[in-house]
Every structure is written in C-alpha cells, then in structure tokens.
Amino acid sequence: MNKVTTTIFERAYQSYLCGGDVYTYRFESKSPLMTKKYNDAIKYLEDNELIIVKFMSEDKVRLTLTDKGIEYGNSMSV
C-alpha cells in the first residue's frame, strides 16, 4: 500500500476501534493529481475487499470496513 492508501485505511480502522461503524474521510487537497491518488487508493482498498464505499463525492468518501479489513487491521497492530 502507498502512503495515501495506508492513511485512509488506518484512519478508518482507528474509527472502528473507537466504535464508529461508518468513517468519513475528507480529501485534504482538491488538486486533480491528489484526487486521482485518493480515488486510486479507495479503489485499491475496495478491490482487496478491505472496505465498502457507502458514498463518495469529489471531496470526501464514506466507508465501512469489511470483516477482512478488520482482520487485516488487527494483524497490523500486533
């Protein structure tokens, strides 16, 4: 995973650990290059079945972790 992908996943996982079911990640930059990086990162996480995207706009994404994502997060924190 690249830095953007890791950041999105780790924040969603921390939200899950604190009791959140749905996590909203707001894009820090609206530049076309960064928007592409965010979209690629989210697609990577979805393709690897770590997250489910509930809603996505041009400046944020709402997502939940899958069971596989939770297991992956648990293995990262060991």
Protein backbone atom coordinates (compact mmCIF):
# COMPACT_ATOMS: atom_id res chain seq x y z
CA MET A 1 0.00 0.00 0.00
CA ASN A 2 1.18 3.51 -0.72
CA LYS A 3 1.07 6.36 1.81
CA VAL A 4 -2.39 7.67 0.82
CA THR A 5 -3.91 4.19 0.89
CA THR A 6 -2.34 3.42 4.27
CA THR A 7 -3.55 6.73 5.72
CA ILE A 8 -7.15 6.17 4.63
CA PHE A 9 -7.18 2.59 5.91
CA GLU A 10 -5.51 3.40 9.23
CA ARG A 11 -7.93 6.26 9.94
CA ALA A 12 -10.93 4.06 9.13
CA TYR A 13 -9.52 1.31 11.35
CA GLN A 14 -8.94 3.73 14.24
CA SER A 15 -12.52 4.94 13.85
CA TYR A 16 -13.69 1.32 14.00
CA LEU A 17 -11.66 0.73 17.19
CA CYS A 18 -13.36 3.75 18.76
CA GLY A 19 -16.80 2.36 17.95
CA GLY A 20 -17.52 4.01 14.61
CA ASP A 21 -19.38 1.96 12.02
CA VAL A 22 -19.05 4.41 9.13
CA TYR A 23 -15.95 6.54 8.61
CA THR A 24 -15.86 9.74 6.56
CA TYR A 25 -12.51 10.64 5.03
CA ARG A 26 -12.32 14.20 3.75
CA PHE A 27 -9.79 14.75 0.99
CA GLU A 28 -7.07 17.14 2.13
CA SER A 29 -6.48 18.53 -1.36
CA LYS A 30 -8.74 19.11 -4.33
CA SER A 31 -5.98 19.18 -6.94
CA PRO A 32 -6.57 16.81 -9.87
CA LEU A 33 -3.39 14.85 -9.05
CA MET A 34 -4.38 14.28 -5.42
CA THR A 35 -7.98 13.48 -6.35
CA LYS A 36 -6.64 10.74 -8.63
CA LYS A 37 -4.44 9.42 -5.81
CA TYR A 38 -7.42 9.33 -3.41
CA ASN A 39 -9.59 7.56 -5.98
CA ASP A 40 -6.83 5.04 -6.76
CA ALA A 41 -6.30 4.37 -3.04
CA ILE A 42 -10.00 3.84 -2.43
CA LYS A 43 -10.27 1.57 -5.47
CA TYR A 44 -7.29 -0.47 -4.20
CA LEU A 45 -8.91 -0.91 -0.78
CA GLU A 46 -12.23 -1.86 -2.39
CA ASP A 47 -10.63 -4.29 -4.86
CA ASN A 48 -8.84 -6.02 -1.98
CA GLU A 49 -12.15 -6.25 -0.08
CA LEU A 50 -10.89 -4.23 2.88
CA ILE A 51 -13.60 -1.55 2.69
CA ILE A 52 -17.09 -0.93 1.33
CA VAL A 53 -17.75 2.54 -0.06
CA LYS A 54 -21.13 3.85 1.09
CA PHE A 55 -20.92 7.30 -0.53
CA MET A 56 -18.33 9.24 -2.46
CA SER A 57 -18.22 12.84 -3.67
CA GLU A 58 -15.46 14.98 -5.09
CA ASP A 59 -14.14 15.92 -1.63
CA LYS A 60 -14.96 13.00 0.70
CA VAL A 61 -15.76 9.32 0.97
CA ARG A 62 -17.88 7.45 3.50
CA LEU A 63 -16.82 3.86 4.03
CA THR A 64 -17.05 0.87 6.32
CA LEU A 65 -14.51 -1.84 6.99
CA THR A 66 -15.24 -5.38 5.87
CA ASP A 67 -14.52 -8.38 8.08
CA LYS A 68 -11.36 -8.90 6.01
CA GLY A 69 -10.41 -5.25 6.64
CA ILE A 70 -10.89 -5.68 10.38
CA GLU A 71 -8.73 -8.81 10.37
CA TYR A 72 -6.08 -7.00 8.35
CA GLY A 73 -6.13 -4.09 10.79
CA ASN A 74 -5.81 -6.47 13.74
CA SER A 75 -2.78 -8.11 12.16
CA MET A 76 -1.15 -4.69 11.53
CA SER A 77 -1.39 -3.69 15.19
CA VAL A 78 0.33 -6.82 16.53
